[in-house]
Amino acid sequence: MPGKSDDTVIEEFNEYVNMSVKELEAWLETEDSQGAGWGDGDESVGHQSGRKIVDILQRNPKKDPSKYTDEDLAHMRKVASYCKRHLAQESQLKDKKSEAELRETKSFKSLANWGHDMTK
């Protein structure tokens, strides 16, 4: 079974990453961001991902599909997969919690590191 096309990956990445570069950069500076998730060493996998997302968005602000590198597309594929999987698992949270309560959940913090703000 072949994987998703690059066009589908780009479309999903742009759908799931709903934070601007400034929003994501500001989030990545917070203690909540730096303490979310798991990793090897000083930085979590999600935090590393967030930095890569900022780089991708900064290098291609117009989201021109022809400007993405193979490395960009590989990371965009990971981001789309991660967000899709976790949003499916956590879909009921938005119905059960206030925005303030939602912002305190592990899911919110983790997804924000991957460029997705659940409150939007």
N, C-alpha and C. Protein backbone atom coordinates (compact mmCIF):
# COMPACT_ATOMS: atom_id res chain seq x y z
N MET A 1 0.85 -1.18 0.00
CA MET A 1 0.00 0.00 0.00
C MET A 1 0.89 1.24 0.00
N PRO A 2 0.79 2.06 -1.02
CA PRO A 2 1.63 3.25 -1.07
C PRO A 2 1.21 4.28 -0.02
N GLY A 3 2.18 5.11 0.38
CA GLY A 3 1.88 6.15 1.36
C GLY A 3 1.13 7.30 0.72
N LYS A 4 0.82 8.27 1.52
CA LYS A 4 0.11 9.44 1.03
C LYS A 4 0.98 10.23 0.07
N SER A 5 0.34 10.87 -0.88
CA SER A 5 1.08 11.70 -1.83
C SER A 5 1.61 12.93 -1.10
N ASP A 6 2.63 13.54 -1.68
CA ASP A 6 3.19 14.77 -1.10
C ASP A 6 2.11 15.85 -1.00
N ASP A 7 1.25 15.94 -2.02
CA ASP A 7 0.18 16.95 -2.00
C ASP A 7 -0.76 16.74 -0.82
N THR A 8 -1.08 15.49 -0.53
CA THR A 8 -1.96 15.18 0.61
C THR A 8 -1.26 15.51 1.92
N VAL A 9 0.02 15.19 2.02
CA VAL A 9 0.79 15.49 3.23
C VAL A 9 0.82 17.01 3.46
N ILE A 10 1.08 17.78 2.42
CA ILE A 10 1.13 19.24 2.53
C ILE A 10 -0.23 19.79 2.96
N GLU A 11 -1.28 19.27 2.36
CA GLU A 11 -2.64 19.72 2.69
C GLU A 11 -2.95 19.43 4.17
N GLU A 12 -2.65 18.22 4.62
CA GLU A 12 -2.92 17.85 6.01
C GLU A 12 -2.06 18.65 6.98
N PHE A 13 -0.79 18.84 6.66
CA PHE A 13 0.11 19.64 7.50
C PHE A 13 -0.47 21.05 7.66
N ASN A 14 -0.88 21.66 6.56
CA ASN A 14 -1.42 23.02 6.61
C ASN A 14 -2.75 23.08 7.36
N GLU A 15 -3.49 21.98 7.37
CA GLU A 15 -4.75 21.92 8.12
C GLU A 15 -4.48 21.79 9.62
N TYR A 16 -3.58 20.88 9.99
CA TYR A 16 -3.32 20.61 11.40
C TYR A 16 -2.46 21.67 12.07
N VAL A 17 -1.49 22.21 11.39
CA VAL A 17 -0.64 23.25 11.98
C VAL A 17 -1.41 24.57 11.86
N ASN A 18 -2.11 24.91 12.93
CA ASN A 18 -2.97 26.09 12.92
C ASN A 18 -2.41 27.23 13.77
N MET A 19 -1.14 27.11 14.15
CA MET A 19 -0.48 28.17 14.90
C MET A 19 0.46 28.91 13.94
N SER A 20 0.54 30.22 14.10
CA SER A 20 1.47 31.01 13.29
C SER A 20 2.89 30.80 13.82
N VAL A 21 3.86 31.25 13.04
CA VAL A 21 5.26 31.17 13.49
C VAL A 21 5.41 31.87 14.83
N LYS A 22 4.85 33.08 14.96
CA LYS A 22 4.98 33.84 16.22
C LYS A 22 4.32 33.11 17.38
N GLU A 23 3.14 32.56 17.15
CA GLU A 23 2.44 31.82 18.21
C GLU A 23 3.25 30.60 18.64
N LEU A 24 3.76 29.87 17.66
CA LEU A 24 4.51 28.65 17.98
C LEU A 24 5.84 28.98 18.66
N GLU A 25 6.52 30.00 18.18
CA GLU A 25 7.78 30.41 18.83
C GLU A 25 7.54 30.82 20.28
N ALA A 26 6.48 31.59 20.51
CA ALA A 26 6.16 32.03 21.88
C ALA A 26 5.82 30.82 22.75
N TRP A 27 5.04 29.88 22.22
CA TRP A 27 4.68 28.68 22.97
C TRP A 27 5.92 27.87 23.34
N LEU A 28 6.83 27.70 22.38
CA LEU A 28 8.02 26.88 22.61
C LEU A 28 8.93 27.44 23.71
N GLU A 29 8.77 28.72 24.03
CA GLU A 29 9.55 29.36 25.09
C GLU A 29 8.98 29.11 26.49
N THR A 30 7.75 28.59 26.57
CA THR A 30 7.10 28.42 27.87
C THR A 30 7.57 27.16 28.59
N GLU A 31 7.43 27.17 29.91
CA GLU A 31 7.75 25.98 30.71
C GLU A 31 6.83 24.82 30.35
N ASP A 32 5.54 25.14 30.09
CA ASP A 32 4.59 24.08 29.73
C ASP A 32 5.06 23.35 28.47
N SER A 33 5.54 24.10 27.50
CA SER A 33 6.02 23.50 26.26
C SER A 33 7.25 22.64 26.52
N GLN A 34 8.17 23.18 27.24
CA GLN A 34 9.45 22.49 27.46
C GLN A 34 9.29 21.27 28.36
N GLY A 35 8.22 21.24 29.15
CA GLY A 35 8.00 20.10 30.04
C GLY A 35 7.07 19.05 29.48
N ALA A 36 6.52 19.30 28.29
CA ALA A 36 5.55 18.36 27.70
C ALA A 36 6.24 17.27 26.90
N GLY A 37 5.71 16.06 27.01
CA GLY A 37 6.19 14.97 26.16
C GLY A 37 7.39 14.24 26.73
N TRP A 38 7.96 13.41 25.89
CA TRP A 38 9.10 12.58 26.30
C TRP A 38 10.23 12.77 25.31
N GLY A 39 11.39 12.43 25.74
CA GLY A 39 12.53 12.56 24.84
C GLY A 39 13.79 12.00 25.44
N ASP A 40 14.85 12.13 24.69
CA ASP A 40 16.15 11.64 25.16
C ASP A 40 17.04 12.85 25.42
N GLY A 41 17.22 13.17 26.67
CA GLY A 41 18.07 14.31 26.98
C GLY A 41 17.27 15.52 27.42
N ASP A 42 17.73 16.68 26.98
CA ASP A 42 17.17 17.93 27.47
C ASP A 42 15.88 18.37 26.77
N GLU A 43 15.63 17.87 25.58
CA GLU A 43 14.50 18.37 24.80
C GLU A 43 13.59 17.22 24.38
N SER A 44 12.28 17.43 24.54
CA SER A 44 11.32 16.39 24.16
C SER A 44 11.23 16.30 22.64
N VAL A 45 10.71 15.18 22.18
CA VAL A 45 10.51 14.96 20.75
C VAL A 45 9.56 16.03 20.19
N GLY A 46 8.50 16.34 20.93
CA GLY A 46 7.53 17.35 20.48
C GLY A 46 8.15 18.73 20.38
N HIS A 47 9.00 19.07 21.33
CA HIS A 47 9.64 20.38 21.31
C HIS A 47 10.58 20.48 20.11
N GLN A 48 11.32 19.42 19.84
CA GLN A 48 12.17 19.39 18.64
C GLN A 48 11.32 19.55 17.39
N SER A 49 10.18 18.88 17.37
CA SER A 49 9.28 18.97 16.23
C SER A 49 8.80 20.41 16.03
N GLY A 50 8.45 21.06 17.12
CA GLY A 50 7.99 22.45 17.04
C GLY A 50 9.04 23.36 16.42
N ARG A 51 10.29 23.15 16.80
CA ARG A 51 11.37 23.97 16.22
C ARG A 51 11.50 23.70 14.72
N LYS A 52 11.34 22.44 14.32
CA LYS A 52 11.41 22.10 12.89
C LYS A 52 10.24 22.73 12.13
N ILE A 53 9.06 22.73 12.75
CA ILE A 53 7.89 23.34 12.11
C ILE A 53 8.12 24.83 11.91
N VAL A 54 8.65 25.51 12.92
CA VAL A 54 8.95 26.94 12.80
C VAL A 54 9.90 27.16 11.62
N ASP A 55 10.92 26.33 11.51
CA ASP A 55 11.88 26.45 10.41
C ASP A 55 11.20 26.27 9.06
N ILE A 56 10.36 25.25 8.93
CA ILE A 56 9.65 25.00 7.67
C ILE A 56 8.77 26.20 7.31
N LEU A 57 8.03 26.71 8.27
CA LEU A 57 7.13 27.84 8.02
C LEU A 57 7.90 29.11 7.68
N GLN A 58 9.02 29.33 8.34
CA GLN A 58 9.81 30.53 8.06
C GLN A 58 10.46 30.48 6.68
N ARG A 59 10.92 29.31 6.28
CA ARG A 59 11.58 29.19 4.97
C ARG A 59 10.59 29.22 3.81
N ASN A 60 9.33 28.92 4.07
CA ASN A 60 8.34 28.87 3.00
C ASN A 60 7.02 29.49 3.48
N PRO A 61 7.04 30.81 3.76
CA PRO A 61 5.85 31.46 4.32
C PRO A 61 4.63 31.43 3.40
N LYS A 62 4.85 31.33 2.11
CA LYS A 62 3.72 31.28 1.16
C LYS A 62 3.21 29.86 0.93
N LYS A 63 3.86 28.90 1.59
CA LYS A 63 3.45 27.49 1.52
C LYS A 63 3.43 26.98 0.08
N ASP A 64 4.44 27.36 -0.67
CA ASP A 64 4.58 26.93 -2.06
C ASP A 64 5.05 25.47 -2.06
N PRO A 65 4.22 24.54 -2.56
CA PRO A 65 4.58 23.12 -2.53
C PRO A 65 5.92 22.80 -3.19
N SER A 66 6.32 23.56 -4.19
CA SER A 66 7.57 23.27 -4.89
C SER A 66 8.81 23.65 -4.07
N LYS A 67 8.62 24.38 -2.98
CA LYS A 67 9.74 24.85 -2.17
C LYS A 67 10.08 23.94 -0.99
N TYR A 68 9.27 22.90 -0.76
CA TYR A 68 9.54 21.99 0.35
C TYR A 68 10.62 20.98 -0.06
N THR A 69 11.54 20.72 0.85
CA THR A 69 12.57 19.70 0.61
C THR A 69 12.03 18.33 1.00
N ASP A 70 12.75 17.29 0.63
CA ASP A 70 12.36 15.93 1.04
C ASP A 70 12.34 15.82 2.56
N GLU A 71 13.29 16.49 3.22
CA GLU A 71 13.35 16.48 4.68
C GLU A 71 12.12 17.19 5.27
N ASP A 72 11.72 18.32 4.66
CA ASP A 72 10.52 19.02 5.09
C ASP A 72 9.31 18.09 4.99
N LEU A 73 9.17 17.47 3.85
CA LEU A 73 8.01 16.60 3.61
C LEU A 73 7.99 15.42 4.58
N ALA A 74 9.14 14.87 4.90
CA ALA A 74 9.20 13.77 5.86
C ALA A 74 8.72 14.24 7.23
N HIS A 75 9.14 15.43 7.64
CA HIS A 75 8.69 15.93 8.94
C HIS A 75 7.21 16.32 8.89
N MET A 76 6.79 16.91 7.81
CA MET A 76 5.38 17.28 7.66
C MET A 76 4.49 16.04 7.74
N ARG A 77 4.97 14.93 7.20
CA ARG A 77 4.24 13.66 7.26
C ARG A 77 4.10 13.20 8.72
N LYS A 78 5.19 13.33 9.49
CA LYS A 78 5.15 12.97 10.93
C LYS A 78 4.17 13.85 11.69
N VAL A 79 4.22 15.15 11.41
CA VAL A 79 3.35 16.11 12.10
C VAL A 79 1.88 15.79 11.82
N ALA A 80 1.54 15.59 10.55
CA ALA A 80 0.15 15.30 10.19
C ALA A 80 -0.32 14.01 10.85
N SER A 81 0.53 12.99 10.84
CA SER A 81 0.18 11.71 11.44
C SER A 81 -0.02 11.84 12.95
N TYR A 82 0.91 12.53 13.62
CA TYR A 82 0.82 12.71 15.06
C TYR A 82 -0.46 13.47 15.44
N CYS A 83 -0.70 14.59 14.77
CA CYS A 83 -1.88 15.41 15.09
C CYS A 83 -3.16 14.64 14.82
N LYS A 84 -3.25 13.97 13.70
CA LYS A 84 -4.45 13.22 13.35
C LYS A 84 -4.75 12.15 14.40
N ARG A 85 -3.71 11.40 14.78
CA ARG A 85 -3.87 10.32 15.76
C ARG A 85 -4.30 10.88 17.12
N HIS A 86 -3.64 11.91 17.59
CA HIS A 86 -3.94 12.44 18.92
C HIS A 86 -5.26 13.19 18.97
N LEU A 87 -5.61 13.87 17.90
CA LEU A 87 -6.91 14.55 17.87
C LEU A 87 -8.05 13.54 17.87
N ALA A 88 -7.87 12.42 17.21
CA ALA A 88 -8.90 11.37 17.22
C ALA A 88 -9.08 10.81 18.63
N GLN A 89 -7.97 10.63 19.34
CA GLN A 89 -8.03 10.10 20.71
C GLN A 89 -8.63 11.10 21.69
N GLU A 90 -8.41 12.38 21.44
CA GLU A 90 -8.79 13.42 22.40
C GLU A 90 -9.99 14.25 21.95
N SER A 91 -10.73 13.79 20.97
CA SER A 91 -11.80 14.59 20.38
C SER A 91 -12.86 15.02 21.40
N GLN A 92 -13.08 14.22 22.43
CA GLN A 92 -14.11 14.55 23.41
C GLN A 92 -13.69 15.66 24.38
N LEU A 93 -12.41 15.95 24.47
CA LEU A 93 -11.94 16.95 25.44
C LEU A 93 -12.57 18.31 25.24
N LYS A 94 -12.71 18.74 23.99
CA LYS A 94 -13.27 20.08 23.72
C LYS A 94 -14.71 20.19 24.21
N ASP A 95 -15.43 19.06 24.21
CA ASP A 95 -16.82 19.06 24.66
C ASP A 95 -16.95 19.02 26.17
N LYS A 96 -15.92 18.50 26.86
CA LYS A 96 -16.02 18.27 28.29
C LYS A 96 -15.31 19.32 29.15
N LYS A 97 -14.45 20.12 28.55
CA LYS A 97 -13.62 21.04 29.34
C LYS A 97 -13.76 22.47 28.83
N SER A 98 -13.59 23.41 29.74
CA SER A 98 -13.54 24.81 29.34
C SER A 98 -12.21 25.06 28.64
N GLU A 99 -12.08 26.20 27.98
CA GLU A 99 -10.82 26.51 27.31
C GLU A 99 -9.66 26.56 28.31
N ALA A 100 -9.91 27.14 29.49
CA ALA A 100 -8.86 27.21 30.52
C ALA A 100 -8.45 25.81 30.98
N GLU A 101 -9.43 24.93 31.19
CA GLU A 101 -9.13 23.55 31.60
C GLU A 101 -8.40 22.80 30.49
N LEU A 102 -8.82 23.03 29.26
CA LEU A 102 -8.20 22.38 28.11
C LEU A 102 -6.72 22.74 28.01
N ARG A 103 -6.40 24.00 28.25
CA ARG A 103 -5.01 24.47 28.15
C ARG A 103 -4.09 23.81 29.19
N GLU A 104 -4.67 23.23 30.23
CA GLU A 104 -3.88 22.58 31.28
C GLU A 104 -3.67 21.09 31.03
N THR A 105 -4.30 20.55 30.00
CA THR A 105 -4.18 19.11 29.75
C THR A 105 -2.86 18.77 29.05
N LYS A 106 -2.41 17.54 29.29
CA LYS A 106 -1.20 17.06 28.60
C LYS A 106 -1.40 17.07 27.09
N SER A 107 -2.61 16.74 26.67
CA SER A 107 -2.90 16.68 25.23
C SER A 107 -2.73 18.05 24.58
N PHE A 108 -3.27 19.09 25.22
CA PHE A 108 -3.13 20.43 24.66
C PHE A 108 -1.66 20.80 24.53
N LYS A 109 -0.91 20.58 25.58
CA LYS A 109 0.50 20.97 25.60
C LYS A 109 1.30 20.20 24.55
N SER A 110 1.03 18.93 24.45
CA SER A 110 1.74 18.11 23.48
C SER A 110 1.39 18.53 22.05
N LEU A 111 0.11 18.67 21.75
CA LEU A 111 -0.30 19.07 20.41
C LEU A 111 0.22 20.46 20.04
N ALA A 112 0.26 21.37 21.01
CA ALA A 112 0.78 22.70 20.73
C ALA A 112 2.25 22.63 20.31
N ASN A 113 3.01 21.73 20.93
CA ASN A 113 4.40 21.55 20.51
C ASN A 113 4.49 21.11 19.05
N TRP A 114 3.46 20.47 18.57
CA TRP A 114 3.41 19.99 17.18
C TRP A 114 2.67 20.98 16.28
N GLY A 115 2.42 22.19 16.80
CA GLY A 115 1.86 23.27 15.98
C GLY A 115 0.35 23.35 15.94
N HIS A 116 -0.34 22.54 16.77
CA HIS A 116 -1.81 22.54 16.74
C HIS A 116 -2.37 23.09 18.06
N ASP A 117 -3.15 24.16 17.96
CA ASP A 117 -3.84 24.74 19.11
C ASP A 117 -5.26 24.19 19.14
N MET A 118 -5.55 23.35 20.13
CA MET A 118 -6.87 22.71 20.23
C MET A 118 -8.00 23.70 20.49
N THR A 119 -7.69 24.91 20.94
CA THR A 119 -8.74 25.87 21.26
C THR A 119 -9.19 26.67 20.04
N LYS A 120 -8.52 26.51 18.93
CA LYS A 120 -8.90 27.24 17.71
C LYS A 120 -9.96 26.48 16.94
